[in-house]
Amino acid sequence: MQKVTILCVGKLKEKFYADAVAEYTKRLGRFCKLDIVELAEERLPEDPSPAQIEAALRKESDAIRGKLPASAYVIAMCVEGKTRSSEELARLMTDSASRGESHLVFLIGGSFGLHPSVKELAAVKLSMSPMTFPHHLARVMLLEQIYRAYQINAGSKYHK
């Protein structure tokens, strides 16, 4: 069974996001061993300077590196990444498994994204859209797309 880790900066506070994450976590239990790791988001002032943002991203990147398994296939969620269809994500997941990469790690940054040094560690940079979404919503959207990918690969009617 494939292992999937969602390594994300920031903790869910809103119940509706937590409920959605719980639902997809339950659904994904049939397809993979899912682990969601939440890392603390660095606190910044109301109007942070570029240097303050850089320092926060660097500190968050250290925490991310500390949790990255050595042999994982890393996918960074970032706006400059490539957009893919649901079918393409399903193929990417199948292809990685066929290459023996049994542990996928998806990275979701906090309010200011991911530090460039973390993005460089990723085998794939993936974007959901050129639009901006709250990083907590991105987590729910990613879980749904992972679930959809497994459904596509299983040949189910979930994906229409």
N, C-alpha and C. Protein backbone atom coordinates (compact mmCIF):
# COMPACT_ATOMS: atom_id res chain seq x y z
N MET A 1 0.85 -1.19 0.00
CA MET A 1 0.00 0.00 0.00
C MET A 1 0.89 1.24 0.00
N GLN A 2 0.58 2.15 -0.87
CA GLN A 2 1.34 3.38 -1.01
C GLN A 2 1.16 4.24 0.25
N LYS A 3 2.23 4.91 0.64
CA LYS A 3 2.18 5.84 1.76
C LYS A 3 2.14 7.25 1.20
N VAL A 4 1.23 8.06 1.72
CA VAL A 4 1.09 9.45 1.30
C VAL A 4 1.17 10.32 2.54
N THR A 5 2.07 11.28 2.51
CA THR A 5 2.18 12.25 3.59
C THR A 5 1.88 13.63 3.05
N ILE A 6 1.03 14.34 3.76
CA ILE A 6 0.79 15.74 3.48
C ILE A 6 1.54 16.50 4.56
N LEU A 7 2.58 17.17 4.18
CA LEU A 7 3.42 17.93 5.11
C LEU A 7 3.06 19.40 4.91
N CYS A 8 2.38 19.98 5.90
CA CYS A 8 1.84 21.32 5.69
C CYS A 8 2.21 22.26 6.84
N VAL A 9 2.38 23.50 6.46
CA VAL A 9 2.68 24.55 7.42
C VAL A 9 1.35 25.19 7.82
N GLY A 10 1.12 25.24 9.11
CA GLY A 10 -0.11 25.83 9.63
C GLY A 10 -1.06 24.76 10.13
N LYS A 11 -1.76 25.11 11.16
CA LYS A 11 -2.73 24.19 11.77
C LYS A 11 -4.14 24.61 11.37
N LEU A 12 -5.00 23.61 11.14
CA LEU A 12 -6.39 23.91 10.81
C LEU A 12 -7.10 24.41 12.06
N LYS A 13 -7.81 25.50 11.92
CA LYS A 13 -8.57 26.05 13.03
C LYS A 13 -10.07 25.96 12.78
N GLU A 14 -10.47 26.13 11.54
CA GLU A 14 -11.88 26.15 11.19
C GLU A 14 -12.43 24.73 11.15
N LYS A 15 -13.58 24.52 11.81
CA LYS A 15 -14.20 23.20 11.89
C LYS A 15 -14.55 22.64 10.52
N PHE A 16 -15.03 23.51 9.61
CA PHE A 16 -15.45 23.01 8.30
C PHE A 16 -14.26 22.45 7.52
N TYR A 17 -13.08 23.04 7.65
CA TYR A 17 -11.89 22.47 7.00
C TYR A 17 -11.53 21.14 7.67
N ALA A 18 -11.54 21.13 8.99
CA ALA A 18 -11.20 19.90 9.73
C ALA A 18 -12.16 18.77 9.38
N ASP A 19 -13.45 19.08 9.25
CA ASP A 19 -14.43 18.06 8.88
C ASP A 19 -14.16 17.51 7.48
N ALA A 20 -13.83 18.39 6.55
CA ALA A 20 -13.53 17.94 5.19
C ALA A 20 -12.26 17.07 5.17
N VAL A 21 -11.24 17.49 5.90
CA VAL A 21 -10.00 16.69 5.98
C VAL A 21 -10.30 15.32 6.58
N ALA A 22 -11.12 15.28 7.62
CA ALA A 22 -11.48 14.00 8.26
C ALA A 22 -12.22 13.09 7.27
N GLU A 23 -13.11 13.66 6.48
CA GLU A 23 -13.86 12.87 5.50
C GLU A 23 -12.92 12.25 4.45
N TYR A 24 -12.03 13.06 3.89
CA TYR A 24 -11.12 12.53 2.87
C TYR A 24 -10.09 11.59 3.47
N THR A 25 -9.70 11.83 4.70
CA THR A 25 -8.78 10.91 5.38
C THR A 25 -9.44 9.53 5.51
N LYS A 26 -10.72 9.52 5.88
CA LYS A 26 -11.47 8.26 6.00
C LYS A 26 -11.56 7.57 4.63
N ARG A 27 -11.92 8.33 3.60
CA ARG A 27 -12.06 7.75 2.26
C ARG A 27 -10.74 7.20 1.74
N LEU A 28 -9.65 7.90 2.02
CA LEU A 28 -8.34 7.48 1.50
C LEU A 28 -7.79 6.25 2.21
N GLY A 29 -8.33 5.91 3.36
CA GLY A 29 -7.85 4.75 4.11
C GLY A 29 -7.91 3.46 3.33
N ARG A 30 -8.79 3.37 2.34
CA ARG A 30 -8.89 2.16 1.51
C ARG A 30 -7.76 2.06 0.49
N PHE A 31 -7.12 3.19 0.19
CA PHE A 31 -6.17 3.24 -0.92
C PHE A 31 -4.71 3.43 -0.50
N CYS A 32 -4.49 4.09 0.62
CA CYS A 32 -3.13 4.41 1.00
C CYS A 32 -3.03 4.57 2.52
N LYS A 33 -1.81 4.62 2.99
CA LYS A 33 -1.56 4.96 4.39
C LYS A 33 -1.29 6.46 4.39
N LEU A 34 -2.25 7.23 4.89
CA LEU A 34 -2.18 8.69 4.87
C LEU A 34 -1.69 9.21 6.21
N ASP A 35 -0.78 10.16 6.12
CA ASP A 35 -0.27 10.84 7.31
C ASP A 35 -0.28 12.33 7.01
N ILE A 36 -0.91 13.10 7.88
CA ILE A 36 -0.92 14.55 7.74
C ILE A 36 -0.09 15.13 8.87
N VAL A 37 0.98 15.83 8.50
CA VAL A 37 1.90 16.41 9.47
C VAL A 37 1.77 17.93 9.40
N GLU A 38 1.35 18.52 10.50
CA GLU A 38 1.20 19.97 10.57
C GLU A 38 2.41 20.57 11.28
N LEU A 39 3.00 21.55 10.66
CA LEU A 39 4.13 22.26 11.25
C LEU A 39 3.69 23.68 11.61
N ALA A 40 4.29 24.23 12.63
CA ALA A 40 3.93 25.57 13.07
C ALA A 40 4.28 26.60 12.01
N GLU A 41 3.36 27.53 11.79
CA GLU A 41 3.62 28.66 10.90
C GLU A 41 4.26 29.76 11.73
N GLU A 42 5.31 30.33 11.19
CA GLU A 42 6.01 31.42 11.89
C GLU A 42 5.10 32.64 12.00
N ARG A 43 5.11 33.24 13.15
CA ARG A 43 4.31 34.45 13.37
C ARG A 43 5.05 35.65 12.78
N LEU A 44 4.28 36.46 12.08
CA LEU A 44 4.83 37.67 11.47
C LEU A 44 3.97 38.86 11.86
N PRO A 45 4.56 40.07 11.83
CA PRO A 45 3.75 41.25 12.12
C PRO A 45 2.71 41.47 11.01
N GLU A 46 1.80 42.39 11.25
CA GLU A 46 0.71 42.69 10.32
C GLU A 46 1.21 43.02 8.91
N ASP A 47 2.26 43.81 8.82
CA ASP A 47 2.80 44.22 7.52
C ASP A 47 4.30 43.87 7.49
N PRO A 48 4.61 42.58 7.28
CA PRO A 48 6.01 42.16 7.37
C PRO A 48 6.87 42.69 6.23
N SER A 49 8.12 42.90 6.53
CA SER A 49 9.09 43.31 5.52
C SER A 49 9.51 42.08 4.72
N PRO A 50 10.08 42.28 3.55
CA PRO A 50 10.61 41.13 2.79
C PRO A 50 11.63 40.32 3.60
N ALA A 51 12.45 41.00 4.39
CA ALA A 51 13.45 40.29 5.20
C ALA A 51 12.78 39.43 6.27
N GLN A 52 11.69 39.92 6.86
CA GLN A 52 10.97 39.14 7.87
C GLN A 52 10.30 37.92 7.23
N ILE A 53 9.75 38.11 6.05
CA ILE A 53 9.13 36.99 5.33
C ILE A 53 10.18 35.95 4.98
N GLU A 54 11.31 36.39 4.47
CA GLU A 54 12.41 35.47 4.13
C GLU A 54 12.86 34.68 5.35
N ALA A 55 13.03 35.35 6.48
CA ALA A 55 13.47 34.68 7.70
C ALA A 55 12.43 33.64 8.15
N ALA A 56 11.15 33.99 8.06
CA ALA A 56 10.09 33.05 8.45
C ALA A 56 10.07 31.84 7.52
N LEU A 57 10.17 32.08 6.22
CA LEU A 57 10.18 30.98 5.25
C LEU A 57 11.38 30.07 5.47
N ARG A 58 12.52 30.68 5.78
CA ARG A 58 13.73 29.88 6.03
C ARG A 58 13.54 29.00 7.26
N LYS A 59 12.95 29.54 8.31
CA LYS A 59 12.72 28.77 9.53
C LYS A 59 11.72 27.63 9.27
N GLU A 60 10.65 27.94 8.53
CA GLU A 60 9.69 26.91 8.17
C GLU A 60 10.33 25.83 7.30
N SER A 61 11.25 26.24 6.42
CA SER A 61 11.91 25.26 5.55
C SER A 61 12.79 24.32 6.37
N ASP A 62 13.40 24.81 7.42
CA ASP A 62 14.18 23.94 8.31
C ASP A 62 13.28 22.89 8.95
N ALA A 63 12.08 23.31 9.38
CA ALA A 63 11.13 22.37 9.99
C ALA A 63 10.67 21.33 8.96
N ILE A 64 10.43 21.77 7.74
CA ILE A 64 10.01 20.85 6.67
C ILE A 64 11.11 19.83 6.41
N ARG A 65 12.33 20.30 6.25
CA ARG A 65 13.46 19.38 6.00
C ARG A 65 13.59 18.35 7.13
N GLY A 66 13.34 18.78 8.34
CA GLY A 66 13.43 17.87 9.49
C GLY A 66 12.41 16.75 9.47
N LYS A 67 11.33 16.93 8.73
CA LYS A 67 10.26 15.93 8.67
C LYS A 67 10.24 15.15 7.36
N LEU A 68 11.08 15.51 6.40
CA LEU A 68 11.09 14.83 5.11
C LEU A 68 11.78 13.47 5.20
N PRO A 69 11.08 12.41 4.87
CA PRO A 69 11.73 11.09 4.82
C PRO A 69 12.76 11.06 3.69
N ALA A 70 13.84 10.37 3.91
CA ALA A 70 14.95 10.36 2.95
C ALA A 70 14.55 9.81 1.59
N SER A 71 13.72 8.80 1.55
CA SER A 71 13.43 8.12 0.28
C SER A 71 12.10 8.55 -0.35
N ALA A 72 11.51 9.61 0.11
CA ALA A 72 10.20 10.00 -0.39
C ALA A 72 10.28 10.69 -1.74
N TYR A 73 9.20 10.57 -2.50
CA TYR A 73 9.01 11.29 -3.75
C TYR A 73 8.27 12.57 -3.37
N VAL A 74 8.94 13.70 -3.50
CA VAL A 74 8.43 14.96 -2.98
C VAL A 74 7.75 15.77 -4.08
N ILE A 75 6.55 16.25 -3.76
CA ILE A 75 5.76 17.08 -4.66
C ILE A 75 5.44 18.37 -3.91
N ALA A 76 5.95 19.49 -4.42
CA ALA A 76 5.72 20.79 -3.78
C ALA A 76 4.52 21.46 -4.44
N MET A 77 3.59 21.89 -3.62
CA MET A 77 2.44 22.63 -4.09
C MET A 77 2.84 24.11 -4.12
N CYS A 78 2.89 24.69 -5.30
CA CYS A 78 3.31 26.09 -5.41
C CYS A 78 2.74 26.70 -6.69
N VAL A 79 2.49 27.98 -6.62
CA VAL A 79 1.80 28.67 -7.72
C VAL A 79 2.60 28.58 -9.03
N GLU A 80 3.92 28.53 -8.95
CA GLU A 80 4.71 28.47 -10.18
C GLU A 80 4.87 27.04 -10.70
N GLY A 81 4.28 26.08 -10.00
CA GLY A 81 4.33 24.70 -10.46
C GLY A 81 3.46 24.50 -11.70
N LYS A 82 3.52 23.31 -12.22
CA LYS A 82 2.76 22.96 -13.42
C LYS A 82 1.34 22.56 -13.01
N THR A 83 0.36 23.08 -13.73
CA THR A 83 -1.01 22.60 -13.50
C THR A 83 -1.16 21.28 -14.23
N ARG A 84 -1.87 20.38 -13.60
CA ARG A 84 -2.13 19.06 -14.19
C ARG A 84 -3.60 18.73 -14.04
N SER A 85 -4.09 17.96 -14.95
CA SER A 85 -5.46 17.48 -14.83
C SER A 85 -5.51 16.39 -13.76
N SER A 86 -6.71 16.03 -13.36
CA SER A 86 -6.87 14.94 -12.40
C SER A 86 -6.29 13.64 -12.95
N GLU A 87 -6.50 13.41 -14.24
CA GLU A 87 -5.96 12.19 -14.87
C GLU A 87 -4.44 12.21 -14.87
N GLU A 88 -3.85 13.38 -15.09
CA GLU A 88 -2.39 13.47 -15.07
C GLU A 88 -1.84 13.23 -13.67
N LEU A 89 -2.53 13.72 -12.65
CA LEU A 89 -2.09 13.44 -11.27
C LEU A 89 -2.20 11.95 -10.99
N ALA A 90 -3.27 11.33 -11.44
CA ALA A 90 -3.43 9.88 -11.25
C ALA A 90 -2.28 9.12 -11.91
N ARG A 91 -1.90 9.54 -13.12
CA ARG A 91 -0.78 8.89 -13.82
C ARG A 91 0.53 9.12 -13.07
N LEU A 92 0.74 10.35 -12.59
CA LEU A 92 1.96 10.66 -11.85
C LEU A 92 2.08 9.74 -10.63
N MET A 93 0.97 9.54 -9.93
CA MET A 93 0.99 8.69 -8.74
C MET A 93 1.23 7.23 -9.11
N THR A 94 0.62 6.76 -10.18
CA THR A 94 0.83 5.39 -10.64
C THR A 94 2.27 5.19 -11.12
N ASP A 95 2.76 6.14 -11.89
CA ASP A 95 4.13 6.05 -12.41
C ASP A 95 5.15 6.03 -11.27
N SER A 96 4.95 6.87 -10.26
CA SER A 96 5.90 6.89 -9.15
C SER A 96 5.89 5.56 -8.41
N ALA A 97 4.71 4.98 -8.24
CA ALA A 97 4.61 3.67 -7.57
C ALA A 97 5.30 2.59 -8.40
N SER A 98 5.13 2.63 -9.73
CA SER A 98 5.75 1.61 -10.59
C SER A 98 7.27 1.73 -10.61
N ARG A 99 7.79 2.92 -10.28
CA ARG A 99 9.24 3.10 -10.18
C ARG A 99 9.76 2.72 -8.79
N GLY A 100 8.88 2.24 -7.93
CA GLY A 100 9.29 1.83 -6.60
C GLY A 100 9.28 2.95 -5.58
N GLU A 101 8.75 4.10 -5.96
CA GLU A 101 8.66 5.24 -5.03
C GLU A 101 7.34 5.09 -4.28
N SER A 102 7.38 4.37 -3.18
CA SER A 102 6.15 4.00 -2.48
C SER A 102 5.70 5.04 -1.46
N HIS A 103 6.47 6.10 -1.31
CA HIS A 103 6.10 7.13 -0.33
C HIS A 103 6.07 8.49 -1.03
N LEU A 104 4.87 9.03 -1.18
CA LEU A 104 4.69 10.36 -1.76
C LEU A 104 4.55 11.37 -0.64
N VAL A 105 5.25 12.48 -0.74
CA VAL A 105 5.12 13.57 0.22
C VAL A 105 4.73 14.83 -0.53
N PHE A 106 3.57 15.37 -0.18
CA PHE A 106 3.09 16.62 -0.75
C PHE A 106 3.39 17.73 0.25
N LEU A 107 3.99 18.81 -0.21
CA LEU A 107 4.34 19.94 0.65
C LEU A 107 3.38 21.10 0.39
N ILE A 108 2.80 21.62 1.46
CA ILE A 108 1.95 22.81 1.37
C ILE A 108 2.53 23.84 2.33
N GLY A 109 2.89 24.99 1.80
CA GLY A 109 3.45 26.05 2.63
C GLY A 109 2.38 26.81 3.38
N GLY A 110 2.81 27.77 4.14
CA GLY A 110 1.90 28.62 4.90
C GLY A 110 1.45 29.80 4.07
N SER A 111 1.11 30.87 4.74
CA SER A 111 0.54 32.06 4.09
C SER A 111 1.44 32.64 3.01
N PHE A 112 2.75 32.50 3.17
CA PHE A 112 3.69 33.06 2.20
C PHE A 112 4.33 31.98 1.33
N GLY A 113 3.76 30.78 1.34
CA GLY A 113 4.25 29.72 0.47
C GLY A 113 5.41 28.94 1.04
N LEU A 114 6.23 28.43 0.15
CA LEU A 114 7.40 27.61 0.51
C LEU A 114 8.67 28.36 0.15
N HIS A 115 9.70 28.16 0.94
CA HIS A 115 11.01 28.75 0.64
C HIS A 115 11.56 28.11 -0.64
N PRO A 116 12.22 28.88 -1.50
CA PRO A 116 12.77 28.32 -2.74
C PRO A 116 13.65 27.09 -2.52
N SER A 117 14.40 27.04 -1.44
CA SER A 117 15.27 25.89 -1.18
C SER A 117 14.48 24.61 -0.97
N VAL A 118 13.26 24.71 -0.43
CA VAL A 118 12.41 23.54 -0.25
C VAL A 118 11.83 23.10 -1.59
N LYS A 119 11.45 24.07 -2.40
CA LYS A 119 10.91 23.74 -3.73
C LYS A 119 11.95 22.99 -4.56
N GLU A 120 13.22 23.33 -4.37
CA GLU A 120 14.30 22.66 -5.12
C GLU A 120 14.42 21.18 -4.75
N LEU A 121 13.97 20.81 -3.57
CA LEU A 121 14.03 19.41 -3.14
C LEU A 121 12.98 18.55 -3.83
N ALA A 122 11.97 19.20 -4.39
CA ALA A 122 10.83 18.48 -4.96
C ALA A 122 11.14 17.90 -6.33
N ALA A 123 10.68 16.68 -6.55
CA ALA A 123 10.78 16.06 -7.87
C ALA A 123 9.78 16.71 -8.82
N VAL A 124 8.66 17.18 -8.25
CA VAL A 124 7.59 17.79 -9.04
C VAL A 124 7.10 19.04 -8.31
N LYS A 125 6.87 20.09 -9.08
CA LYS A 125 6.22 21.28 -8.55
C LYS A 125 4.83 21.31 -9.19
N LEU A 126 3.82 21.32 -8.35
CA LEU A 126 2.44 21.20 -8.81
C LEU A 126 1.64 22.43 -8.38
N SER A 127 0.87 22.96 -9.31
CA SER A 127 -0.01 24.09 -9.02
C SER A 127 -1.45 23.67 -9.24
N MET A 128 -2.32 24.08 -8.33
CA MET A 128 -3.75 23.79 -8.51
C MET A 128 -4.38 24.77 -9.48
N SER A 129 -3.83 25.99 -9.51
CA SER A 129 -4.45 27.04 -10.31
C SER A 129 -3.58 28.28 -10.19
N PRO A 130 -3.66 29.18 -11.16
CA PRO A 130 -2.97 30.46 -10.97
C PRO A 130 -3.69 31.35 -9.95
N MET A 131 -4.91 30.97 -9.56
CA MET A 131 -5.63 31.72 -8.53
C MET A 131 -5.01 31.45 -7.16
N THR A 132 -5.25 32.34 -6.23
CA THR A 132 -4.75 32.19 -4.87
C THR A 132 -5.85 31.60 -3.98
N PHE A 133 -5.48 30.57 -3.21
CA PHE A 133 -6.40 29.94 -2.26
C PHE A 133 -5.79 29.99 -0.87
N PRO A 134 -6.62 30.02 0.17
CA PRO A 134 -6.07 29.88 1.52
C PRO A 134 -5.36 28.52 1.62
N HIS A 135 -4.23 28.48 2.31
CA HIS A 135 -3.48 27.22 2.36
C HIS A 135 -4.26 26.12 3.06
N HIS A 136 -5.21 26.47 3.91
CA HIS A 136 -6.04 25.44 4.54
C HIS A 136 -7.02 24.82 3.53
N LEU A 137 -7.57 25.65 2.66
CA LEU A 137 -8.44 25.14 1.61
C LEU A 137 -7.63 24.30 0.62
N ALA A 138 -6.41 24.72 0.35
CA ALA A 138 -5.54 23.95 -0.56
C ALA A 138 -5.34 22.53 -0.04
N ARG A 139 -5.27 22.39 1.28
CA ARG A 139 -5.11 21.05 1.86
C ARG A 139 -6.31 20.18 1.54
N VAL A 140 -7.51 20.73 1.71
CA VAL A 140 -8.73 19.99 1.40
C VAL A 140 -8.78 19.65 -0.10
N MET A 141 -8.47 20.63 -0.92
CA MET A 141 -8.50 20.42 -2.37
C MET A 141 -7.49 19.35 -2.78
N LEU A 142 -6.32 19.37 -2.19
CA LEU A 142 -5.31 18.37 -2.51
C LEU A 142 -5.78 16.98 -2.09
N LEU A 143 -6.34 16.86 -0.90
CA LEU A 143 -6.84 15.55 -0.45
C LEU A 143 -7.92 15.02 -1.39
N GLU A 144 -8.81 15.90 -1.83
CA GLU A 144 -9.85 15.47 -2.77
C GLU A 144 -9.22 14.98 -4.07
N GLN A 145 -8.21 15.69 -4.56
CA GLN A 145 -7.57 15.29 -5.82
C GLN A 145 -6.79 13.99 -5.67
N ILE A 146 -6.18 13.76 -4.51
CA ILE A 146 -5.51 12.48 -4.27
C ILE A 146 -6.54 11.36 -4.26
N TYR A 147 -7.65 11.59 -3.57
CA TYR A 147 -8.74 10.61 -3.55
C TYR A 147 -9.25 10.35 -4.98
N ARG A 148 -9.45 11.42 -5.73
CA ARG A 148 -9.92 11.29 -7.12
C ARG A 148 -8.91 10.49 -7.94
N ALA A 149 -7.61 10.74 -7.73
CA ALA A 149 -6.58 10.01 -8.48
C ALA A 149 -6.67 8.51 -8.21
N TYR A 150 -6.83 8.15 -6.94
CA TYR A 150 -6.97 6.72 -6.62
C TYR A 150 -8.24 6.15 -7.25
N GLN A 151 -9.32 6.92 -7.27
CA GLN A 151 -10.57 6.46 -7.89
C GLN A 151 -10.39 6.29 -9.40
N ILE A 152 -9.70 7.23 -10.03
CA ILE A 152 -9.42 7.11 -11.47
C ILE A 152 -8.62 5.84 -11.73
N ASN A 153 -7.57 5.64 -10.94
CA ASN A 153 -6.72 4.47 -11.13
C ASN A 153 -7.45 3.16 -10.85
N ALA A 154 -8.49 3.22 -10.01
CA ALA A 154 -9.29 2.02 -9.71
C ALA A 154 -10.39 1.81 -10.74
N GLY A 155 -10.56 2.78 -11.65
CA GLY A 155 -11.59 2.65 -12.68
C GLY A 155 -13.01 2.90 -12.17
N SER A 156 -13.15 3.61 -11.08
CA SER A 156 -14.49 3.85 -10.50
C SER A 156 -15.22 4.95 -11.26
N LYS A 157 -16.48 5.10 -10.93
CA LYS A 157 -17.32 6.13 -11.57
C LYS A 157 -17.25 7.45 -10.80
N TYR A 158 -16.46 7.55 -9.76
CA TYR A 158 -16.35 8.81 -8.99
C TYR A 158 -15.95 9.97 -9.89
N HIS A 159 -14.98 9.70 -10.76
CA HIS A 159 -14.48 10.73 -11.67
C HIS A 159 -15.30 10.70 -12.95
N LYS A 160 -16.02 11.75 -13.18
CA LYS A 160 -16.88 11.80 -14.38
C LYS A 160 -16.29 12.75 -15.39
